[in-house]
Amino acid sequence: MMKQEDIKEKVDLYLKNREHKKRYASFDYCFNYFKTSDINKDLEKSCLVLATYLASWGMFRGSSFLLQEKSLAHFIPTIQYINKLKNDRPEIWDIDVHNYNDQNINTILDIYKEIQERFTENHTHLTLVTKILLGVFGFIPAFDRNFRSTFSRFFIDDKNCGFTKVDKNSLKYIKIFYEENKEQIDDLSNKIYTIDFFDGKSTQTHYPKSKIIDMYGFQKGIEIELQKKNKFQP
């Protein structure tokens, strides 16, 4: 069940919408920025980069608390926390699904909790915080509806893992999925580079393996959700 033959196919479909001026490139610009920039040098720009990335992935839609309640200044404590990690623990940017050991999993869970407390207050946080972790660190897929639709089916026999929360169990299963599909995921990660914001050309930064898994789950989830919708239409 874990071995999937359509990973490249789904990722290629996703990448059709990743061009210099298209929405899906927002991940590239966010990830490049936080990986390489002095994010405390221009705090307002850092807040704007993260906010624009989140907005492009629907985190400011409708009744979301970011749209209804918050200004850009709400992002400052989160940016300051990320900057502290960058100064004190730059090795965090080396964490990816291939090295999900106990120490790195605990680091991910700690960062999740810290950003949740600073950023979401008492609001729903699963999709929002995992979007931040993906865009800034690249070490975890975003647990949005499409991703959950895909991966909850892979692990349907375990009722404790519907990917409705970020915990050791969910990260363990992502690692299992990676190991079962390592050849495809590694190959795609090695071949796909982020896009440069200024000229639209490829950088020297590879897509993280977690982002490959994210793209696969997202793209396949779109198809699953569409099938559900068509099934219940008269």
C-alpha atoms as a PDB file:
ATOM      1  CA  MET A   1       0.000   0.000   0.000  1.00  0.00           C
ATOM      2  CA  MET A   2       2.856   2.384   0.764  1.00  0.00           C
ATOM      3  CA  LYS A   3       4.615   1.889  -2.548  1.00  0.00           C
ATOM      4  CA  GLN A   4       3.143   4.396  -4.998  1.00  0.00           C
ATOM      5  CA  GLU A   5       3.853   4.406  -8.713  1.00  0.00           C
ATOM      6  CA  ASP A   6       2.326   7.809  -9.474  1.00  0.00           C
ATOM      7  CA  ILE A   7       4.508  10.143  -7.417  1.00  0.00           C
ATOM      8  CA  LYS A   8       6.348  11.653 -10.377  1.00  0.00           C
ATOM      9  CA  GLU A   9       3.108  11.942 -12.334  1.00  0.00           C
ATOM     10  CA  LYS A  10       1.379  13.927  -9.552  1.00  0.00           C
ATOM     11  CA  VAL A  11       4.409  16.091  -8.864  1.00  0.00           C
ATOM     12  CA  ASP A  12       4.727  16.918 -12.568  1.00  0.00           C
ATOM     13  CA  LEU A  13       1.060  17.985 -12.594  1.00  0.00           C
ATOM     14  CA  TYR A  14       1.704  20.222  -9.598  1.00  0.00           C
ATOM     15  CA  LEU A  15       4.769  21.790 -11.198  1.00  0.00           C
ATOM     16  CA  LYS A  16       2.753  22.934 -14.209  1.00  0.00           C
ATOM     17  CA  ASN A  17       1.428  25.686 -11.934  1.00  0.00           C
ATOM     18  CA  ARG A  18       4.846  26.586 -10.557  1.00  0.00           C
ATOM     19  CA  GLU A  19       6.115  29.351 -12.795  1.00  0.00           C
ATOM     20  CA  HIS A  20       7.860  32.595 -11.926  1.00  0.00           C
ATOM     21  CA  LYS A  21       4.678  34.657 -11.559  1.00  0.00           C
ATOM     22  CA  LYS A  22       2.250  31.912 -10.566  1.00  0.00           C
ATOM     23  CA  ARG A  23       0.926  31.058  -7.113  1.00  0.00           C
ATOM     24  CA  TYR A  24       2.784  27.816  -6.491  1.00  0.00           C
ATOM     25  CA  ALA A  25       6.131  29.625  -6.738  1.00  0.00           C
ATOM     26  CA  SER A  26       5.293  31.382  -3.468  1.00  0.00           C
ATOM     27  CA  PHE A  27       6.785  28.421  -1.611  1.00  0.00           C
ATOM     28  CA  ASP A  28      10.080  28.918  -3.443  1.00  0.00           C
ATOM     29  CA  TYR A  29      10.327  32.592  -2.540  1.00  0.00           C
ATOM     30  CA  CYS A  30       9.455  32.005   1.111  1.00  0.00           C
ATOM     31  CA  PHE A  31      11.799  29.040   1.516  1.00  0.00           C
ATOM     32  CA  ASN A  32      14.669  30.797  -0.283  1.00  0.00           C
ATOM     33  CA  TYR A  33      14.221  33.920   1.823  1.00  0.00           C
ATOM     34  CA  PHE A  34      14.237  32.273   5.231  1.00  0.00           C
ATOM     35  CA  LYS A  35      17.022  29.889   4.292  1.00  0.00           C
ATOM     36  CA  THR A  36      19.456  32.511   2.995  1.00  0.00           C
ATOM     37  CA  SER A  37      18.499  35.982   4.270  1.00  0.00           C
ATOM     38  CA  ASP A  38      19.252  37.969   7.397  1.00  0.00           C
ATOM     39  CA  ILE A  39      15.605  37.931   8.423  1.00  0.00           C
ATOM     40  CA  ASN A  40      16.042  40.320  11.350  1.00  0.00           C
ATOM     41  CA  LYS A  41      17.674  42.995   9.183  1.00  0.00           C
ATOM     42  CA  ASP A  42      14.329  44.083   7.770  1.00  0.00           C
ATOM     43  CA  LEU A  43      11.629  42.800  10.107  1.00  0.00           C
ATOM     44  CA  GLU A  44       8.794  44.292   8.088  1.00  0.00           C
ATOM     45  CA  LYS A  45       9.965  42.585   4.890  1.00  0.00           C
ATOM     46  CA  SER A  46      10.293  39.260   6.709  1.00  0.00           C
ATOM     47  CA  CYS A  47       6.727  39.586   7.961  1.00  0.00           C
ATOM     48  CA  LEU A  48       5.557  40.450   4.452  1.00  0.00           C
ATOM     49  CA  VAL A  49       7.322  37.471   2.873  1.00  0.00           C
ATOM     50  CA  LEU A  50       5.672  35.045   5.293  1.00  0.00           C
ATOM     51  CA  ALA A  51       2.283  36.773   5.054  1.00  0.00           C
ATOM     52  CA  THR A  52       2.299  36.726   1.248  1.00  0.00           C
ATOM     53  CA  TYR A  53       3.187  33.035   1.199  1.00  0.00           C
ATOM     54  CA  LEU A  54       0.371  32.229   3.630  1.00  0.00           C
ATOM     55  CA  ALA A  55      -2.092  34.368   1.721  1.00  0.00           C
ATOM     56  CA  SER A  56      -1.269  32.579  -1.520  1.00  0.00           C
ATOM     57  CA  TRP A  57      -2.221  29.300   0.183  1.00  0.00           C
ATOM     58  CA  GLY A  58      -5.569  30.567   1.436  1.00  0.00           C
ATOM     59  CA  MET A  59      -4.677  31.378   5.018  1.00  0.00           C
ATOM     60  CA  PHE A  60      -6.300  34.827   4.761  1.00  0.00           C
ATOM     61  CA  ARG A  61      -9.539  33.631   3.224  1.00  0.00           C
ATOM     62  CA  GLY A  62     -13.095  34.266   4.428  1.00  0.00           C
ATOM     63  CA  SER A  63     -13.530  34.232   8.174  1.00  0.00           C
ATOM     64  CA  SER A  64      -9.909  33.386   9.025  1.00  0.00           C
ATOM     65  CA  PHE A  65      -8.644  35.213  12.101  1.00  0.00           C
ATOM     66  CA  LEU A  66      -5.660  36.541  10.126  1.00  0.00           C
ATOM     67  CA  LEU A  67      -7.998  38.354   7.746  1.00  0.00           C
ATOM     68  CA  GLN A  68     -10.577  39.452  10.283  1.00  0.00           C
ATOM     69  CA  GLU A  69      -8.451  40.308  13.306  1.00  0.00           C
ATOM     70  CA  LYS A  70      -4.744  40.782  12.610  1.00  0.00           C
ATOM     71  CA  SER A  71      -2.327  43.251  11.065  1.00  0.00           C
ATOM     72  CA  LEU A  72       1.153  42.497   9.781  1.00  0.00           C
ATOM     73  CA  ALA A  73       2.564  43.287  13.214  1.00  0.00           C
ATOM     74  CA  HIS A  74       1.001  40.048  14.472  1.00  0.00           C
ATOM     75  CA  PHE A  75       3.815  38.221  12.639  1.00  0.00           C
ATOM     76  CA  ILE A  76       6.637  39.899  14.573  1.00  0.00           C
ATOM     77  CA  PRO A  77       6.970  37.445  17.512  1.00  0.00           C
ATOM     78  CA  THR A  78       7.030  34.488  15.123  1.00  0.00           C
ATOM     79  CA  ILE A  79       9.693  36.101  12.933  1.00  0.00           C
ATOM     80  CA  GLN A  80      11.788  36.912  16.003  1.00  0.00           C
ATOM     81  CA  TYR A  81      11.519  33.295  17.165  1.00  0.00           C
ATOM     82  CA  ILE A  82      12.555  32.007  13.726  1.00  0.00           C
ATOM     83  CA  ASN A  83      15.471  34.435  13.715  1.00  0.00           C
ATOM     84  CA  LYS A  84      16.624  33.144  17.118  1.00  0.00           C
ATOM     85  CA  LEU A  85      16.550  29.580  15.785  1.00  0.00           C
ATOM     86  CA  LYS A  86      18.547  30.668  12.769  1.00  0.00           C
ATOM     87  CA  ASN A  87      21.221  32.254  14.942  1.00  0.00           C
ATOM     88  CA  ASP A  88      21.361  29.569  17.621  1.00  0.00           C
ATOM     89  CA  ARG A  89      20.487  26.398  15.712  1.00  0.00           C
ATOM     90  CA  PRO A  90      21.108  26.787  11.952  1.00  0.00           C
ATOM     91  CA  GLU A  91      21.286  22.988  11.617  1.00  0.00           C
ATOM     92  CA  ILE A  92      17.494  22.913  11.894  1.00  0.00           C
ATOM     93  CA  TRP A  93      17.374  23.797   8.189  1.00  0.00           C
ATOM     94  CA  ASP A  94      19.078  20.445   7.513  1.00  0.00           C
ATOM     95  CA  ILE A  95      16.197  18.456   8.995  1.00  0.00           C
ATOM     96  CA  ASP A  96      14.136  16.603   6.400  1.00  0.00           C
ATOM     97  CA  VAL A  97      12.113  13.417   6.264  1.00  0.00           C
ATOM     98  CA  HIS A  98      15.145  11.226   5.582  1.00  0.00           C
ATOM     99  CA  ASN A  99      16.585  12.088   9.017  1.00  0.00           C
ATOM    100  CA  TYR A 100      13.420  11.907  11.107  1.00  0.00           C
ATOM    101  CA  ASN A 101      15.139  10.405  14.129  1.00  0.00           C
ATOM    102  CA  ASP A 102      13.881  10.881  17.681  1.00  0.00           C
ATOM    103  CA  GLN A 103      15.888  14.043  18.235  1.00  0.00           C
ATOM    104  CA  ASN A 104      14.766  15.727  15.014  1.00  0.00           C
ATOM    105  CA  ILE A 105      11.140  14.699  15.484  1.00  0.00           C
ATOM    106  CA  ASN A 106      11.199  16.244  18.956  1.00  0.00           C
ATOM    107  CA  THR A 107      12.709  19.406  17.468  1.00  0.00           C
ATOM    108  CA  ILE A 108       9.880  19.620  14.917  1.00  0.00           C
ATOM    109  CA  LEU A 109       7.260  19.118  17.628  1.00  0.00           C
ATOM    110  CA  ASP A 110       8.874  21.775  19.833  1.00  0.00           C
ATOM    111  CA  ILE A 111       8.960  24.308  16.992  1.00  0.00           C
ATOM    112  CA  TYR A 112       5.363  23.496  16.101  1.00  0.00           C
ATOM    113  CA  LYS A 113       4.300  24.214  19.684  1.00  0.00           C
ATOM    114  CA  GLU A 114       6.312  27.427  19.923  1.00  0.00           C
ATOM    115  CA  ILE A 115       4.905  28.842  16.675  1.00  0.00           C
ATOM    116  CA  GLN A 116       1.391  27.712  17.545  1.00  0.00           C
ATOM    117  CA  GLU A 117       1.572  29.655  20.811  1.00  0.00           C
ATOM    118  CA  ARG A 118       2.976  32.797  19.200  1.00  0.00           C
ATOM    119  CA  PHE A 119       0.942  32.834  16.030  1.00  0.00           C
ATOM    120  CA  THR A 120      -2.464  31.199  16.401  1.00  0.00           C
ATOM    121  CA  GLU A 121      -3.461  32.025  19.987  1.00  0.00           C
ATOM    122  CA  ASN A 122      -6.653  29.990  20.513  1.00  0.00           C
ATOM    123  CA  HIS A 123      -7.496  29.578  16.831  1.00  0.00           C
ATOM    124  CA  THR A 124      -7.393  26.473  14.650  1.00  0.00           C
ATOM    125  CA  HIS A 125      -3.754  25.819  13.923  1.00  0.00           C
ATOM    126  CA  LEU A 126      -3.044  22.525  12.111  1.00  0.00           C
ATOM    127  CA  THR A 127      -3.004  23.705   8.485  1.00  0.00           C
ATOM    128  CA  LEU A 128      -1.722  27.179   9.287  1.00  0.00           C
ATOM    129  CA  VAL A 129       1.249  26.160  11.419  1.00  0.00           C
ATOM    130  CA  THR A 130       2.299  23.297   9.139  1.00  0.00           C
ATOM    131  CA  LYS A 131       2.165  25.724   6.192  1.00  0.00           C
ATOM    132  CA  ILE A 132       4.570  27.967   8.116  1.00  0.00           C
ATOM    133  CA  LEU A 133       6.892  25.077   8.975  1.00  0.00           C
ATOM    134  CA  LEU A 134       6.938  23.935   5.345  1.00  0.00           C
ATOM    135  CA  GLY A 135       7.553  27.399   3.908  1.00  0.00           C
ATOM    136  CA  VAL A 136      10.224  28.428   6.406  1.00  0.00           C
ATOM    137  CA  PHE A 137      12.071  25.192   7.247  1.00  0.00           C
ATOM    138  CA  GLY A 138      10.927  22.711   4.579  1.00  0.00           C
ATOM    139  CA  PHE A 139      11.009  19.834   7.053  1.00  0.00           C
ATOM    140  CA  ILE A 140       7.349  18.795   7.138  1.00  0.00           C
ATOM    141  CA  PRO A 141       4.485  18.655   4.616  1.00  0.00           C
ATOM    142  CA  ALA A 142       1.505  20.961   5.190  1.00  0.00           C
ATOM    143  CA  PHE A 143      -1.373  19.054   6.783  1.00  0.00           C
ATOM    144  CA  ASP A 144      -4.094  20.677   4.691  1.00  0.00           C
ATOM    145  CA  ARG A 145      -7.312  18.994   3.556  1.00  0.00           C
ATOM    146  CA  ASN A 146      -5.846  17.611   0.336  1.00  0.00           C
ATOM    147  CA  PHE A 147      -2.798  16.156   2.057  1.00  0.00           C
ATOM    148  CA  ARG A 148      -4.935  14.582   4.775  1.00  0.00           C
ATOM    149  CA  SER A 149      -7.291  13.084   2.186  1.00  0.00           C
ATOM    150  CA  THR A 150      -4.341  11.362   0.531  1.00  0.00           C
ATOM    151  CA  PHE A 151      -2.360  10.164   3.518  1.00  0.00           C
ATOM    152  CA  SER A 152      -5.228   9.114   5.769  1.00  0.00           C
ATOM    153  CA  ARG A 153      -6.075   6.539   3.095  1.00  0.00           C
ATOM    154  CA  PHE A 154      -2.577   5.097   3.141  1.00  0.00           C
ATOM    155  CA  PHE A 155      -2.779   4.466   6.877  1.00  0.00           C
ATOM    156  CA  ILE A 156      -6.501   3.746   7.149  1.00  0.00           C
ATOM    157  CA  ASP A 157      -5.901   0.675   9.329  1.00  0.00           C
ATOM    158  CA  ASP A 158      -4.477   2.848  12.114  1.00  0.00           C
ATOM    159  CA  LYS A 159      -7.333   4.816  13.640  1.00  0.00           C
ATOM    160  CA  ASN A 160      -4.853   6.815  15.693  1.00  0.00           C
ATOM    161  CA  CYS A 161      -3.398   8.476  12.587  1.00  0.00           C
ATOM    162  CA  GLY A 162      -5.738  10.511  10.442  1.00  0.00           C
ATOM    163  CA  PHE A 163      -3.139  13.268  10.101  1.00  0.00           C
ATOM    164  CA  THR A 164      -5.397  15.520  12.173  1.00  0.00           C
ATOM    165  CA  LYS A 165      -2.501  16.545  14.399  1.00  0.00           C
ATOM    166  CA  VAL A 166       1.261  16.803  14.281  1.00  0.00           C
ATOM    167  CA  ASP A 167       2.698  14.229  16.648  1.00  0.00           C
ATOM    168  CA  LYS A 168       5.277  11.453  16.728  1.00  0.00           C
ATOM    169  CA  ASN A 169       2.802   9.055  15.152  1.00  0.00           C
ATOM    170  CA  SER A 170       2.056  11.183  12.085  1.00  0.00           C
ATOM    171  CA  LEU A 171       5.727  11.994  11.516  1.00  0.00           C
ATOM    172  CA  LYS A 172       6.622   8.321  11.883  1.00  0.00           C
ATOM    173  CA  TYR A 173       4.170   7.436   9.129  1.00  0.00           C
ATOM    174  CA  ILE A 174       5.515  10.149   6.837  1.00  0.00           C
ATOM    175  CA  LYS A 175       8.969   8.624   7.358  1.00  0.00           C
ATOM    176  CA  ILE A 176       7.565   5.167   6.482  1.00  0.00           C
ATOM    177  CA  PHE A 177       6.018   6.575   3.304  1.00  0.00           C
ATOM    178  CA  TYR A 178       9.348   8.159   2.389  1.00  0.00           C
ATOM    179  CA  GLU A 179      11.301   4.974   2.959  1.00  0.00           C
ATOM    180  CA  GLU A 180       8.886   2.978   0.814  1.00  0.00           C
ATOM    181  CA  ASN A 181       9.177   5.515  -2.012  1.00  0.00           C
ATOM    182  CA  LYS A 182      12.703   6.750  -1.397  1.00  0.00           C
ATOM    183  CA  GLU A 183      13.992   6.299  -4.935  1.00  0.00           C
ATOM    184  CA  GLN A 184      11.267   8.399  -6.552  1.00  0.00           C
ATOM    185  CA  ILE A 185      11.276  11.089  -3.862  1.00  0.00           C
ATOM    186  CA  ASP A 186      15.070  11.447  -3.773  1.00  0.00           C
ATOM    187  CA  ASP A 187      15.242  11.619  -7.557  1.00  0.00           C
ATOM    188  CA  LEU A 188      12.648  14.398  -7.703  1.00  0.00           C
ATOM    189  CA  SER A 189      14.289  16.301  -4.847  1.00  0.00           C
ATOM    190  CA  ASN A 190      17.659  16.131  -6.602  1.00  0.00           C
ATOM    191  CA  LYS A 191      16.227  17.386  -9.890  1.00  0.00           C
ATOM    192  CA  ILE A 192      13.875  20.155  -8.718  1.00  0.00           C
ATOM    193  CA  TYR A 193      15.384  23.482  -7.702  1.00  0.00           C
ATOM    194  CA  THR A 194      13.673  26.504  -6.227  1.00  0.00           C
ATOM    195  CA  ILE A 195      12.926  29.485  -8.456  1.00  0.00           C
ATOM    196  CA  ASP A 196      14.697  32.791  -7.897  1.00  0.00           C
ATOM    197  CA  PHE A 197      12.317  35.665  -7.141  1.00  0.00           C
ATOM    198  CA  PHE A 198      14.164  38.230  -9.224  1.00  0.00           C
ATOM    199  CA  ASP A 199      14.824  36.473 -12.524  1.00  0.00           C
ATOM    200  CA  GLY A 200      12.664  33.337 -12.408  1.00  0.00           C
ATOM    201  CA  LYS A 201      15.667  31.090 -13.003  1.00  0.00           C
ATOM    202  CA  SER A 202      16.559  28.013 -10.993  1.00  0.00           C
ATOM    203  CA  THR A 203      18.658  28.526  -7.875  1.00  0.00           C
ATOM    204  CA  GLN A 204      21.126  26.019  -6.447  1.00  0.00           C
ATOM    205  CA  THR A 205      18.667  25.076  -3.696  1.00  0.00           C
ATOM    206  CA  HIS A 206      16.960  21.705  -4.048  1.00  0.00           C
ATOM    207  CA  TYR A 207      13.360  21.159  -3.107  1.00  0.00           C
ATOM    208  CA  PRO A 208      13.260  19.414   0.281  1.00  0.00           C
ATOM    209  CA  LYS A 209      12.041  15.829   0.299  1.00  0.00           C
ATOM    210  CA  SER A 210       9.202  16.902   2.578  1.00  0.00           C
ATOM    211  CA  LYS A 211       8.074  19.346  -0.106  1.00  0.00           C
ATOM    212  CA  ILE A 212       8.027  16.529  -2.690  1.00  0.00           C
ATOM    213  CA  ILE A 213       5.783  14.541  -0.335  1.00  0.00           C
ATOM    214  CA  ASP A 214       3.666  17.655   0.233  1.00  0.00           C
ATOM    215  CA  MET A 215       3.185  18.196  -3.510  1.00  0.00           C
ATOM    216  CA  TYR A 216       2.230  14.583  -4.030  1.00  0.00           C
ATOM    217  CA  GLY A 217      -0.276  14.587  -1.184  1.00  0.00           C
ATOM    218  CA  PHE A 218      -1.723  17.918  -2.278  1.00  0.00           C
ATOM    219  CA  GLN A 219      -2.123  17.001  -5.949  1.00  0.00           C
ATOM    220  CA  LYS A 220      -3.518  13.528  -5.319  1.00  0.00           C
ATOM    221  CA  GLY A 221      -5.815  14.976  -2.664  1.00  0.00           C
ATOM    222  CA  ILE A 222      -7.325  17.370  -5.207  1.00  0.00           C
ATOM    223  CA  GLU A 223      -8.354  14.369  -7.281  1.00  0.00           C
ATOM    224  CA  ILE A 224      -9.721  12.486  -4.261  1.00  0.00           C
ATOM    225  CA  GLU A 225     -11.809  15.461  -3.153  1.00  0.00           C
ATOM    226  CA  LEU A 226     -13.144  15.922  -6.690  1.00  0.00           C
ATOM    227  CA  GLN A 227     -14.153  12.269  -6.817  1.00  0.00           C
ATOM    228  CA  LYS A 228     -16.011  12.682  -3.524  1.00  0.00           C
ATOM    229  CA  LYS A 229     -17.816  15.734  -4.842  1.00  0.00           C
ATOM    230  CA  ASN A 230     -18.845  14.038  -8.080  1.00  0.00           C
ATOM    231  CA  LYS A 231     -20.031  10.970  -6.191  1.00  0.00           C
ATOM    232  CA  PHE A 232     -22.591  12.958  -4.209  1.00  0.00           C
ATOM    233  CA  GLN A 233     -23.787  15.174  -7.039  1.00  0.00           C
ATOM    234  CA  PRO A 234     -27.257  14.269  -8.406  1.00  0.00           C
END
